[in-house]
Amino acid sequence: MTRRPKLWLVVASLFTLVNVAGAGFAAAGGEGLHTAAHVALTLVGAYFVRRLTRRASQPHLAGTEQAVERLDHLQHSVDAVAIEVERIGEAQRYATKLATERAEAAPPKRP
């Protein structure tokens, strides 16, 4: 379906109403085959009106579940990266602390 389901619903409704009126005029004129054609087109139009009405009333949630799964996966990935960055930072602080302590504890070099 296109991006404008309300427009298609209006078009299908008008199509159905025009064919109902056409069936009435054809029946009044005594044209049996013409009346049958309008009745058939009215049924087709009614089918599409009903189908479009059902679609319009149901919220579109087909991709929502997949999007939620992807967002959950992304959140877990971001959390894992944050933990690793924190570990790297801790290791860097520890290495800096050890280097500073060794530099202070080492005896001065003689020339």
PDB file of N, CA and C in Angstrom:
ATOM      1  N   MET A   1       0.851  -1.170   0.000  1.00  0.00           N
ATOM      2  CA  MET A   1       0.000   0.000   0.000  1.00  0.00           C
ATOM      3  C   MET A   1       0.891   1.226   0.000  1.00  0.00           C
ATOM      4  N   THR A   2       0.379   2.298  -0.549  1.00  0.00           N
ATOM      5  CA  THR A   2       1.161   3.524  -0.620  1.00  0.00           C
ATOM      6  C   THR A   2       1.155   4.234   0.723  1.00  0.00           C
ATOM      7  N   ARG A   3       1.706   5.403   0.745  1.00  0.00           N
ATOM      8  CA  ARG A   3       1.793   6.164   1.984  1.00  0.00           C
ATOM      9  C   ARG A   3       0.491   6.874   2.325  1.00  0.00           C
ATOM     10  N   ARG A   4      -0.477   6.819   1.456  1.00  0.00           N
ATOM     11  CA  ARG A   4      -1.724   7.549   1.680  1.00  0.00           C
ATOM     12  C   ARG A   4      -2.926   6.598   1.714  1.00  0.00           C
ATOM     13  N   PRO A   5      -3.064   5.804   2.763  1.00  0.00           N
ATOM     14  CA  PRO A   5      -4.180   4.852   2.802  1.00  0.00           C
ATOM     15  C   PRO A   5      -5.539   5.542   2.922  1.00  0.00           C
ATOM     16  N   LYS A   6      -5.588   6.709   3.539  1.00  0.00           N
ATOM     17  CA  LYS A   6      -6.868   7.424   3.651  1.00  0.00           C
ATOM     18  C   LYS A   6      -7.356   7.867   2.277  1.00  0.00           C
ATOM     19  N   LEU A   7      -6.428   8.295   1.433  1.00  0.00           N
ATOM     20  CA  LEU A   7      -6.795   8.692   0.080  1.00  0.00           C
ATOM     21  C   LEU A   7      -7.359   7.502  -0.685  1.00  0.00           C
ATOM     22  N   TRP A   8      -6.720   6.358  -0.572  1.00  0.00           N
ATOM     23  CA  TRP A   8      -7.209   5.164  -1.262  1.00  0.00           C
ATOM     24  C   TRP A   8      -8.557   4.718  -0.716  1.00  0.00           C
ATOM     25  N   LEU A   9      -8.769   4.912   0.573  1.00  0.00           N
ATOM     26  CA  LEU A   9     -10.068   4.570   1.161  1.00  0.00           C
ATOM     27  C   LEU A   9     -11.163   5.456   0.578  1.00  0.00           C
ATOM     28  N   VAL A  10     -10.884   6.737   0.408  1.00  0.00           N
ATOM     29  CA  VAL A  10     -11.854   7.655  -0.188  1.00  0.00           C
ATOM     30  C   VAL A  10     -12.121   7.271  -1.643  1.00  0.00           C
ATOM     31  N   VAL A  11     -11.068   6.955  -2.383  1.00  0.00           N
ATOM     32  CA  VAL A  11     -11.226   6.567  -3.786  1.00  0.00           C
ATOM     33  C   VAL A  11     -12.060   5.298  -3.899  1.00  0.00           C
ATOM     34  N   ALA A  12     -11.768   4.307  -3.081  1.00  0.00           N
ATOM     35  CA  ALA A  12     -12.531   3.051  -3.120  1.00  0.00           C
ATOM     36  C   ALA A  12     -13.987   3.282  -2.727  1.00  0.00           C
ATOM     37  N   SER A  13     -14.219   4.159  -1.758  1.00  0.00           N
ATOM     38  CA  SER A  13     -15.596   4.457  -1.337  1.00  0.00           C
ATOM     39  C   SER A  13     -16.369   5.139  -2.464  1.00  0.00           C
ATOM     40  N   LEU A  14     -15.742   6.113  -3.101  1.00  0.00           N
ATOM     41  CA  LEU A  14     -16.403   6.790  -4.225  1.00  0.00           C
ATOM     42  C   LEU A  14     -16.662   5.829  -5.381  1.00  0.00           C
ATOM     43  N   PHE A  15     -15.718   4.969  -5.672  1.00  0.00           N
ATOM     44  CA  PHE A  15     -15.881   3.966  -6.715  1.00  0.00           C
ATOM     45  C   PHE A  15     -17.093   3.079  -6.419  1.00  0.00           C
ATOM     46  N   THR A  16     -17.214   2.664  -5.173  1.00  0.00           N
ATOM     47  CA  THR A  16     -18.334   1.799  -4.780  1.00  0.00           C
ATOM     48  C   THR A  16     -19.654   2.539  -4.897  1.00  0.00           C
ATOM     49  N   LEU A  17     -19.701   3.776  -4.438  1.00  0.00           N
ATOM     50  CA  LEU A  17     -20.947   4.549  -4.505  1.00  0.00           C
ATOM     51  C   LEU A  17     -21.361   4.831  -5.951  1.00  0.00           C
ATOM     52  N   VAL A  18     -20.409   5.144  -6.805  1.00  0.00           N
ATOM     53  CA  VAL A  18     -20.729   5.394  -8.214  1.00  0.00           C
ATOM     54  C   VAL A  18     -21.302   4.130  -8.856  1.00  0.00           C
ATOM     55  N   ASN A  19     -20.749   2.985  -8.513  1.00  0.00           N
ATOM     56  CA  ASN A  19     -21.250   1.742  -9.091  1.00  0.00           C
ATOM     57  C   ASN A  19     -22.610   1.342  -8.519  1.00  0.00           C
ATOM     58  N   VAL A  20     -22.875   1.688  -7.267  1.00  0.00           N
ATOM     59  CA  VAL A  20     -24.219   1.445  -6.718  1.00  0.00           C
ATOM     60  C   VAL A  20     -25.238   2.296  -7.478  1.00  0.00           C
ATOM     61  N   ALA A  21     -24.896   3.568  -7.697  1.00  0.00           N
ATOM     62  CA  ALA A  21     -25.803   4.448  -8.443  1.00  0.00           C
ATOM     63  C   ALA A  21     -25.943   3.959  -9.885  1.00  0.00           C
ATOM     64  N   GLY A  22     -24.844   3.533 -10.498  1.00  0.00           N
ATOM     65  CA  GLY A  22     -24.891   3.010 -11.866  1.00  0.00           C
ATOM     66  C   GLY A  22     -25.746   1.760 -11.961  1.00  0.00           C
ATOM     67  N   ALA A  23     -25.674   0.914 -10.965  1.00  0.00           N
ATOM     68  CA  ALA A  23     -26.513  -0.299 -10.967  1.00  0.00           C
ATOM     69  C   ALA A  23     -27.982   0.083 -10.884  1.00  0.00           C
ATOM     70  N   GLY A  24     -28.286   1.093 -10.079  1.00  0.00           N
ATOM     71  CA  GLY A  24     -29.679   1.551  -9.966  1.00  0.00           C
ATOM     72  C   GLY A  24     -30.199   2.104 -11.279  1.00  0.00           C
ATOM     73  N   PHE A  25     -29.418   2.948 -11.934  1.00  0.00           N
ATOM     74  CA  PHE A  25     -29.838   3.511 -13.223  1.00  0.00           C
ATOM     75  C   PHE A  25     -29.963   2.430 -14.307  1.00  0.00           C
ATOM     76  N   ALA A  26     -29.005   1.499 -14.312  1.00  0.00           N
ATOM     77  CA  ALA A  26     -29.058   0.433 -15.310  1.00  0.00           C
ATOM     78  C   ALA A  26     -30.262  -0.479 -15.071  1.00  0.00           C
ATOM     79  N   ALA A  27     -30.574  -0.733 -13.803  1.00  0.00           N
ATOM     80  CA  ALA A  27     -31.740  -1.569 -13.494  1.00  0.00           C
ATOM     81  C   ALA A  27     -33.017  -0.841 -13.884  1.00  0.00           C
ATOM     82  N   ALA A  28     -33.058   0.468 -13.662  1.00  0.00           N
ATOM     83  CA  ALA A  28     -34.249   1.238 -14.027  1.00  0.00           C
ATOM     84  C   ALA A  28     -34.431   1.265 -15.538  1.00  0.00           C
ATOM     85  N   GLY A  29     -33.365   1.199 -16.301  1.00  0.00           N
ATOM     86  CA  GLY A  29     -33.432   1.200 -17.762  1.00  0.00           C
ATOM     87  C   GLY A  29     -33.681  -0.183 -18.335  1.00  0.00           C
ATOM     88  N   GLY A  30     -33.706  -1.182 -17.503  1.00  0.00           N
ATOM     89  CA  GLY A  30     -33.971  -2.534 -17.972  1.00  0.00           C
ATOM     90  C   GLY A  30     -32.779  -3.211 -18.622  1.00  0.00           C
ATOM     91  N   GLU A  31     -31.585  -2.763 -18.338  1.00  0.00           N
ATOM     92  CA  GLU A  31     -30.376  -3.359 -18.918  1.00  0.00           C
ATOM     93  C   GLU A  31     -29.778  -4.352 -17.920  1.00  0.00           C
ATOM     94  N   GLY A  32     -30.075  -5.601 -18.102  1.00  0.00           N
ATOM     95  CA  GLY A  32     -29.673  -6.645 -17.150  1.00  0.00           C
ATOM     96  C   GLY A  32     -28.168  -6.855 -17.085  1.00  0.00           C
ATOM     97  N   LEU A  33     -27.509  -6.942 -18.235  1.00  0.00           N
ATOM     98  CA  LEU A  33     -26.062  -7.188 -18.260  1.00  0.00           C
ATOM     99  C   LEU A  33     -25.299  -5.979 -17.697  1.00  0.00           C
ATOM    100  N   HIS A  34     -25.775  -4.790 -18.031  1.00  0.00           N
ATOM    101  CA  HIS A  34     -25.171  -3.562 -17.516  1.00  0.00           C
ATOM    102  C   HIS A  34     -25.332  -3.498 -15.994  1.00  0.00           C
ATOM    103  N   THR A  35     -26.491  -3.870 -15.511  1.00  0.00           N
ATOM    104  CA  THR A  35     -26.741  -3.886 -14.061  1.00  0.00           C
ATOM    105  C   THR A  35     -25.823  -4.893 -13.388  1.00  0.00           C
ATOM    106  N   ALA A  36     -25.668  -6.060 -13.978  1.00  0.00           N
ATOM    107  CA  ALA A  36     -24.797  -7.095 -13.404  1.00  0.00           C
ATOM    108  C   ALA A  36     -23.350  -6.619 -13.332  1.00  0.00           C
ATOM    109  N   ALA A  37     -22.903  -5.917 -14.353  1.00  0.00           N
ATOM    110  CA  ALA A  37     -21.531  -5.398 -14.345  1.00  0.00           C
ATOM    111  C   ALA A  37     -21.333  -4.404 -13.209  1.00  0.00           C
ATOM    112  N   HIS A  38     -22.314  -3.512 -13.002  1.00  0.00           N
ATOM    113  CA  HIS A  38     -22.209  -2.542 -11.907  1.00  0.00           C
ATOM    114  C   HIS A  38     -22.278  -3.227 -10.552  1.00  0.00           C
ATOM    115  N   VAL A  39     -23.089  -4.259 -10.424  1.00  0.00           N
ATOM    116  CA  VAL A  39     -23.169  -4.998  -9.155  1.00  0.00           C
ATOM    117  C   VAL A  39     -21.826  -5.678  -8.871  1.00  0.00           C
ATOM    118  N   ALA A  40     -21.218  -6.268  -9.890  1.00  0.00           N
ATOM    119  CA  ALA A  40     -19.916  -6.914  -9.708  1.00  0.00           C
ATOM    120  C   ALA A  40     -18.858  -5.888  -9.299  1.00  0.00           C
ATOM    121  N   LEU A  41     -18.858  -4.743  -9.953  1.00  0.00           N
ATOM    122  CA  LEU A  41     -17.898  -3.692  -9.590  1.00  0.00           C
ATOM    123  C   LEU A  41     -18.171  -3.133  -8.197  1.00  0.00           C
ATOM    124  N   THR A  42     -19.432  -3.091  -7.798  1.00  0.00           N
ATOM    125  CA  THR A  42     -19.786  -2.655  -6.444  1.00  0.00           C
ATOM    126  C   THR A  42     -19.212  -3.623  -5.416  1.00  0.00           C
ATOM    127  N   LEU A  43     -19.300  -4.921  -5.688  1.00  0.00           N
ATOM    128  CA  LEU A  43     -18.747  -5.918  -4.771  1.00  0.00           C
ATOM    129  C   LEU A  43     -17.223  -5.808  -4.668  1.00  0.00           C
ATOM    130  N   VAL A  44     -16.589  -5.571  -5.807  1.00  0.00           N
ATOM    131  CA  VAL A  44     -15.134  -5.381  -5.794  1.00  0.00           C
ATOM    132  C   VAL A  44     -14.773  -4.137  -4.969  1.00  0.00           C
ATOM    133  N   GLY A  45     -15.500  -3.068  -5.195  1.00  0.00           N
ATOM    134  CA  GLY A  45     -15.246  -1.840  -4.438  1.00  0.00           C
ATOM    135  C   GLY A  45     -15.497  -2.033  -2.953  1.00  0.00           C
ATOM    136  N   ALA A  46     -16.562  -2.755  -2.603  1.00  0.00           N
ATOM    137  CA  ALA A  46     -16.868  -3.007  -1.186  1.00  0.00           C
ATOM    138  C   ALA A  46     -15.765  -3.836  -0.536  1.00  0.00           C
ATOM    139  N   TYR A  47     -15.227  -4.787  -1.293  1.00  0.00           N
ATOM    140  CA  TYR A  47     -14.119  -5.594  -0.776  1.00  0.00           C
ATOM    141  C   TYR A  47     -12.925  -4.707  -0.421  1.00  0.00           C
ATOM    142  N   PHE A  48     -12.571  -3.811  -1.330  1.00  0.00           N
ATOM    143  CA  PHE A  48     -11.416  -2.946  -1.075  1.00  0.00           C
ATOM    144  C   PHE A  48     -11.688  -1.940   0.041  1.00  0.00           C
ATOM    145  N   VAL A  49     -12.920  -1.443   0.127  1.00  0.00           N
ATOM    146  CA  VAL A  49     -13.256  -0.527   1.223  1.00  0.00           C
ATOM    147  C   VAL A  49     -13.101  -1.241   2.557  1.00  0.00           C
ATOM    148  N   ARG A  50     -13.585  -2.463   2.626  1.00  0.00           N
ATOM    149  CA  ARG A  50     -13.485  -3.224   3.878  1.00  0.00           C
ATOM    150  C   ARG A  50     -12.024  -3.513   4.209  1.00  0.00           C
ATOM    151  N   ARG A  51     -11.267  -3.919   3.209  1.00  0.00           N
ATOM    152  CA  ARG A  51      -9.855  -4.226   3.425  1.00  0.00           C
ATOM    153  C   ARG A  51      -9.079  -2.991   3.878  1.00  0.00           C
ATOM    154  N   LEU A  52      -9.316  -1.862   3.238  1.00  0.00           N
ATOM    155  CA  LEU A  52      -8.616  -0.633   3.621  1.00  0.00           C
ATOM    156  C   LEU A  52      -9.057  -0.137   4.993  1.00  0.00           C
ATOM    157  N   THR A  53     -10.316  -0.336   5.337  1.00  0.00           N
ATOM    158  CA  THR A  53     -10.806   0.066   6.660  1.00  0.00           C
ATOM    159  C   THR A  53     -10.136  -0.756   7.747  1.00  0.00           C
ATOM    160  N   ARG A  54      -9.982  -2.050   7.510  1.00  0.00           N
ATOM    161  CA  ARG A  54      -9.298  -2.903   8.490  1.00  0.00           C
ATOM    162  C   ARG A  54      -7.844  -2.483   8.669  1.00  0.00           C
ATOM    163  N   ARG A  55      -7.174  -2.203   7.549  1.00  0.00           N
ATOM    164  CA  ARG A  55      -5.777  -1.788   7.636  1.00  0.00           C
ATOM    165  C   ARG A  55      -5.622  -0.460   8.348  1.00  0.00           C
ATOM    166  N   ALA A  56      -6.537   0.449   8.102  1.00  0.00           N
ATOM    167  CA  ALA A  56      -6.444   1.773   8.723  1.00  0.00           C
ATOM    168  C   ALA A  56      -6.682   1.689  10.229  1.00  0.00           C
ATOM    169  N   SER A  57      -7.525   0.743  10.650  1.00  0.00           N
ATOM    170  CA  SER A  57      -7.843   0.642  12.073  1.00  0.00           C
ATOM    171  C   SER A  57      -6.750  -0.057  12.859  1.00  0.00           C
ATOM    172  N   GLN A  58      -5.933  -0.884  12.207  1.00  0.00           N
ATOM    173  CA  GLN A  58      -4.862  -1.593  12.885  1.00  0.00           C
ATOM    174  C   GLN A  58      -3.580  -0.777  12.811  1.00  0.00           C
ATOM    175  N   PRO A  59      -2.952  -0.547  13.948  1.00  0.00           N
ATOM    176  CA  PRO A  59      -1.681   0.176  13.900  1.00  0.00           C
ATOM    177  C   PRO A  59      -0.616  -0.692  13.246  1.00  0.00           C
ATOM    178  N   HIS A  60       0.275  -0.052  12.536  1.00  0.00           N
ATOM    179  CA  HIS A  60       1.329  -0.763  11.821  1.00  0.00           C
ATOM    180  C   HIS A  60       2.450  -1.108  12.795  1.00  0.00           C
ATOM    181  N   LEU A  61       2.507  -2.371  13.230  1.00  0.00           N
ATOM    182  CA  LEU A  61       3.493  -2.801  14.210  1.00  0.00           C
ATOM    183  C   LEU A  61       4.385  -3.922  13.683  1.00  0.00           C
ATOM    184  N   ALA A  62       4.385  -4.155  12.390  1.00  0.00           N
ATOM    185  CA  ALA A  62       5.141  -5.282  11.852  1.00  0.00           C
ATOM    186  C   ALA A  62       6.637  -5.129  12.127  1.00  0.00           C
ATOM    187  N   GLY A  63       7.192  -3.962  11.917  1.00  0.00           N
ATOM    188  CA  GLY A  63       8.625  -3.764  12.117  1.00  0.00           C
ATOM    189  C   GLY A  63       8.990  -3.354  13.527  1.00  0.00           C
ATOM    190  N   THR A  64       8.017  -3.140  14.371  1.00  0.00           N
ATOM    191  CA  THR A  64       8.288  -2.649  15.717  1.00  0.00           C
ATOM    192  C   THR A  64       9.039  -3.676  16.551  1.00  0.00           C
ATOM    193  N   GLU A  65       8.629  -4.941  16.469  1.00  0.00           N
ATOM    194  CA  GLU A  65       9.293  -5.972  17.259  1.00  0.00           C
ATOM    195  C   GLU A  65      10.752  -6.119  16.838  1.00  0.00           C
ATOM    196  N   GLN A  66      10.987  -6.080  15.547  1.00  0.00           N
ATOM    197  CA  GLN A  66      12.357  -6.187  15.057  1.00  0.00           C
ATOM    198  C   GLN A  66      13.175  -4.970  15.493  1.00  0.00           C
ATOM    199  N   ALA A  67      12.568  -3.804  15.466  1.00  0.00           N
ATOM    200  CA  ALA A  67      13.278  -2.594  15.891  1.00  0.00           C
ATOM    201  C   ALA A  67      13.620  -2.658  17.380  1.00  0.00           C
ATOM    202  N   VAL A  68      12.703  -3.180  18.183  1.00  0.00           N
ATOM    203  CA  VAL A  68      12.962  -3.307  19.626  1.00  0.00           C
ATOM    204  C   VAL A  68      14.126  -4.264  19.863  1.00  0.00           C
ATOM    205  N   GLU A  69      14.145  -5.386  19.134  1.00  0.00           N
ATOM    206  CA  GLU A  69      15.246  -6.338  19.275  1.00  0.00           C
ATOM    207  C   GLU A  69      16.574  -5.698  18.895  1.00  0.00           C
ATOM    208  N   ARG A  70      16.570  -4.935  17.806  1.00  0.00           N
ATOM    209  CA  ARG A  70      17.800  -4.284  17.367  1.00  0.00           C
ATOM    210  C   ARG A  70      18.261  -3.237  18.383  1.00  0.00           C
ATOM    211  N   LEU A  71      17.320  -2.498  18.947  1.00  0.00           N
ATOM    212  CA  LEU A  71      17.686  -1.498  19.960  1.00  0.00           C
ATOM    213  C   LEU A  71      18.236  -2.163  21.218  1.00  0.00           C
ATOM    214  N   ASP A  72      17.649  -3.295  21.632  1.00  0.00           N
ATOM    215  CA  ASP A  72      18.168  -4.030  22.786  1.00  0.00           C
ATOM    216  C   ASP A  72      19.592  -4.511  22.527  1.00  0.00           C
ATOM    217  N   HIS A  73      19.811  -5.047  21.320  1.00  0.00           N
ATOM    218  CA  HIS A  73      21.153  -5.512  20.961  1.00  0.00           C
ATOM    219  C   HIS A  73      22.142  -4.348  20.958  1.00  0.00           C
ATOM    220  N   LEU A  74      21.719  -3.211  20.422  1.00  0.00           N
ATOM    221  CA  LEU A  74      22.573  -2.027  20.399  1.00  0.00           C
ATOM    222  C   LEU A  74      22.888  -1.560  21.818  1.00  0.00           C
ATOM    223  N   GLN A  75      21.895  -1.593  22.699  1.00  0.00           N
ATOM    224  CA  GLN A  75      22.107  -1.175  24.091  1.00  0.00           C
ATOM    225  C   GLN A  75      23.113  -2.089  24.776  1.00  0.00           C
ATOM    226  N   HIS A  76      22.999  -3.398  24.552  1.00  0.00           N
ATOM    227  CA  HIS A  76      23.958  -4.331  25.149  1.00  0.00           C
ATOM    228  C   HIS A  76      25.361  -4.092  24.594  1.00  0.00           C
ATOM    229  N   SER A  77      25.463  -3.797  23.319  1.00  0.00           N
ATOM    230  CA  SER A  77      26.763  -3.525  22.715  1.00  0.00           C
ATOM    231  C   SER A  77      27.388  -2.260  23.295  1.00  0.00           C
ATOM    232  N   VAL A  78      26.587  -1.228  23.453  1.00  0.00           N
ATOM    233  CA  VAL A  78      27.090   0.027  24.033  1.00  0.00           C
ATOM    234  C   VAL A  78      27.524  -0.201  25.477  1.00  0.00           C
ATOM    235  N   ASP A  79      26.768  -0.974  26.228  1.00  0.00           N
ATOM    236  CA  ASP A  79      27.157  -1.282  27.613  1.00  0.00           C
ATOM    237  C   ASP A  79      28.480  -2.043  27.655  1.00  0.00           C
ATOM    238  N   ALA A  80      28.656  -3.000  26.743  1.00  0.00           N
ATOM    239  CA  ALA A  80      29.902  -3.764  26.708  1.00  0.00           C
ATOM    240  C   ALA A  80      31.079  -2.862  26.356  1.00  0.00           C
ATOM    241  N   VAL A  81      30.898  -1.968  25.417  1.00  0.00           N
ATOM    242  CA  VAL A  81      31.965  -1.036  25.053  1.00  0.00           C
ATOM    243  C   VAL A  81      32.296  -0.120  26.231  1.00  0.00           C
ATOM    244  N   ALA A  82      31.281   0.343  26.934  1.00  0.00           N
ATOM    245  CA  ALA A  82      31.522   1.216  28.096  1.00  0.00           C
ATOM    246  C   ALA A  82      32.327   0.496  29.168  1.00  0.00           C
ATOM    247  N   ILE A  83      32.034  -0.769  29.404  1.00  0.00           N
ATOM    248  CA  ILE A  83      32.778  -1.545  30.405  1.00  0.00           C
ATOM    249  C   ILE A  83      34.236  -1.700  29.977  1.00  0.00           C
ATOM    250  N   GLU A  84      34.453  -1.999  28.697  1.00  0.00           N
ATOM    251  CA  GLU A  84      35.823  -2.153  28.203  1.00  0.00           C
ATOM    252  C   GLU A  84      36.596  -0.842  28.288  1.00  0.00           C
ATOM    253  N   VAL A  85      35.968   0.262  27.973  1.00  0.00           N
ATOM    254  CA  VAL A  85      36.637   1.566  28.072  1.00  0.00           C
ATOM    255  C   VAL A  85      36.995   1.861  29.528  1.00  0.00           C
ATOM    256  N   GLU A  86      36.114   1.509  30.451  1.00  0.00           N
ATOM    257  CA  GLU A  86      36.395   1.711  31.877  1.00  0.00           C
ATOM    258  C   GLU A  86      37.584   0.848  32.310  1.00  0.00           C
ATOM    259  N   ARG A  87      37.647  -0.387  31.815  1.00  0.00           N
ATOM    260  CA  ARG A  87      38.778  -1.262  32.142  1.00  0.00           C
ATOM    261  C   ARG A  87      40.080  -0.700  31.599  1.00  0.00           C
ATOM    262  N   ILE A  88      40.046  -0.184  30.386  1.00  0.00           N
ATOM    263  CA  ILE A  88      41.253   0.418  29.793  1.00  0.00           C
ATOM    264  C   ILE A  88      41.699   1.611  30.627  1.00  0.00           C
ATOM    265  N   GLY A  89      40.745   2.432  31.042  1.00  0.00           N
ATOM    266  CA  GLY A  89      41.072   3.593  31.870  1.00  0.00           C
ATOM    267  C   GLY A  89      41.682   3.187  33.197  1.00  0.00           C
ATOM    268  N   GLU A  90      41.124   2.147  33.834  1.00  0.00           N
ATOM    269  CA  GLU A  90      41.668   1.664  35.101  1.00  0.00           C
ATOM    270  C   GLU A  90      43.092   1.144  34.915  1.00  0.00           C
ATOM    271  N   ALA A  91      43.322   0.398  33.834  1.00  0.00           N
ATOM    272  CA  ALA A  91      44.659  -0.135  33.573  1.00  0.00           C
ATOM    273  C   ALA A  91      45.660   0.988  33.331  1.00  0.00           C
ATOM    274  N   GLN A  92      45.215   2.028  32.640  1.00  0.00           N
ATOM    275  CA  GLN A  92      46.095   3.155  32.362  1.00  0.00           C
ATOM    276  C   GLN A  92      46.426   3.914  33.654  1.00  0.00           C
ATOM    277  N   ARG A  93      45.432   4.101  34.499  1.00  0.00           N
ATOM    278  CA  ARG A  93      45.691   4.777  35.789  1.00  0.00           C
ATOM    279  C   ARG A  93      46.639   3.954  36.653  1.00  0.00           C
ATOM    280  N   TYR A  94      46.458   2.636  36.659  1.00  0.00           N
ATOM    281  CA  TYR A  94      47.319   1.753  37.450  1.00  0.00           C
ATOM    282  C   TYR A  94      48.751   1.791  36.924  1.00  0.00           C
ATOM    283  N   ALA A  95      48.909   1.749  35.603  1.00  0.00           N
ATOM    284  CA  ALA A  95      50.243   1.792  35.015  1.00  0.00           C
ATOM    285  C   ALA A  95      50.921   3.127  35.318  1.00  0.00           C
ATOM    286  N   THR A  96      50.178   4.198  35.260  1.00  0.00           N
ATOM    287  CA  THR A  96      50.730   5.519  35.582  1.00  0.00           C
ATOM    288  C   THR A  96      51.149   5.584  37.047  1.00  0.00           C
ATOM    289  N   LYS A  97      50.327   5.018  37.925  1.00  0.00           N
ATOM    290  CA  LYS A  97      50.639   5.007  39.361  1.00  0.00           C
ATOM    291  C   LYS A  97      51.912   4.207  39.620  1.00  0.00           C
ATOM    292  N   LEU A  98      52.042   3.038  38.987  1.00  0.00           N
ATOM    293  CA  LEU A  98      53.243   2.224  39.169  1.00  0.00           C
ATOM    294  C   LEU A  98      54.481   2.948  38.638  1.00  0.00           C
ATOM    295  N   ALA A  99      54.359   3.587  37.489  1.00  0.00           N
ATOM    296  CA  ALA A  99      55.507   4.305  36.922  1.00  0.00           C
ATOM    297  C   ALA A  99      55.928   5.448  37.833  1.00  0.00           C
ATOM    298  N   THR A 100      54.956   6.143  38.407  1.00  0.00           N
ATOM    299  CA  THR A 100      55.267   7.255  39.312  1.00  0.00           C
ATOM    300  C   THR A 100      55.943   6.743  40.579  1.00  0.00           C
ATOM    301  N   GLU A 101      55.434   5.651  41.142  1.00  0.00           N
ATOM    302  CA  GLU A 101      56.034   5.092  42.361  1.00  0.00           C
ATOM    303  C   GLU A 101      57.447   4.599  42.104  1.00  0.00           C
ATOM    304  N   ARG A 102      57.680   3.959  40.961  1.00  0.00           N
ATOM    305  CA  ARG A 102      59.020   3.467  40.643  1.00  0.00           C
ATOM    306  C   ARG A 102      59.997   4.627  40.424  1.00  0.00           C
ATOM    307  N   ALA A 103      59.481   5.678  39.800  1.00  0.00           N
ATOM    308  CA  ALA A 103      60.342   6.838  39.558  1.00  0.00           C
ATOM    309  C   ALA A 103      60.743   7.504  40.886  1.00  0.00           C
ATOM    310  N   GLU A 104      59.814   7.541  41.846  1.00  0.00           N
ATOM    311  CA  GLU A 104      60.119   8.161  43.137  1.00  0.00           C
ATOM    312  C   GLU A 104      61.017   7.252  43.981  1.00  0.00           C
ATOM    313  N   ALA A 105      60.855   5.941  43.883  1.00  0.00           N
ATOM    314  CA  ALA A 105      61.619   4.993  44.713  1.00  0.00           C
ATOM    315  C   ALA A 105      63.015   4.707  44.140  1.00  0.00           C
ATOM    316  N   ALA A 106      63.230   4.957  42.897  1.00  0.00           N
ATOM    317  CA  ALA A 106      64.526   4.647  42.292  1.00  0.00           C
ATOM    318  C   ALA A 106      65.589   5.627  42.787  1.00  0.00           C
ATOM    319  N   PRO A 107      66.769   5.124  43.010  1.00  0.00           N
ATOM    320  CA  PRO A 107      67.844   6.034  43.441  1.00  0.00           C
ATOM    321  C   PRO A 107      68.263   6.939  42.288  1.00  0.00           C
ATOM    322  N   PRO A 108      68.682   8.118  42.618  1.00  0.00           N
ATOM    323  CA  PRO A 108      69.099   9.039  41.554  1.00  0.00           C
ATOM    324  C   PRO A 108      70.327   8.473  40.816  1.00  0.00           C
ATOM    325  N   LYS A 109      70.384   8.709  39.549  1.00  0.00           N
ATOM    326  CA  LYS A 109      71.489   8.211  38.722  1.00  0.00           C
ATOM    327  C   LYS A 109      72.697   9.142  38.891  1.00  0.00           C
ATOM    328  N   ARG A 110      73.850   8.511  38.904  1.00  0.00           N
ATOM    329  CA  ARG A 110      75.085   9.280  39.005  1.00  0.00           C
ATOM    330  C   ARG A 110      75.708   9.415  37.640  1.00  0.00           C
ATOM    331  N   PRO A 111      76.209  10.609  37.385  1.00  0.00           N
ATOM    332  CA  PRO A 111      76.867  10.811  36.075  1.00  0.00           C
ATOM    333  C   PRO A 111      78.230  10.271  35.975  1.00  0.00           C
TER     334      PRO A 111
END
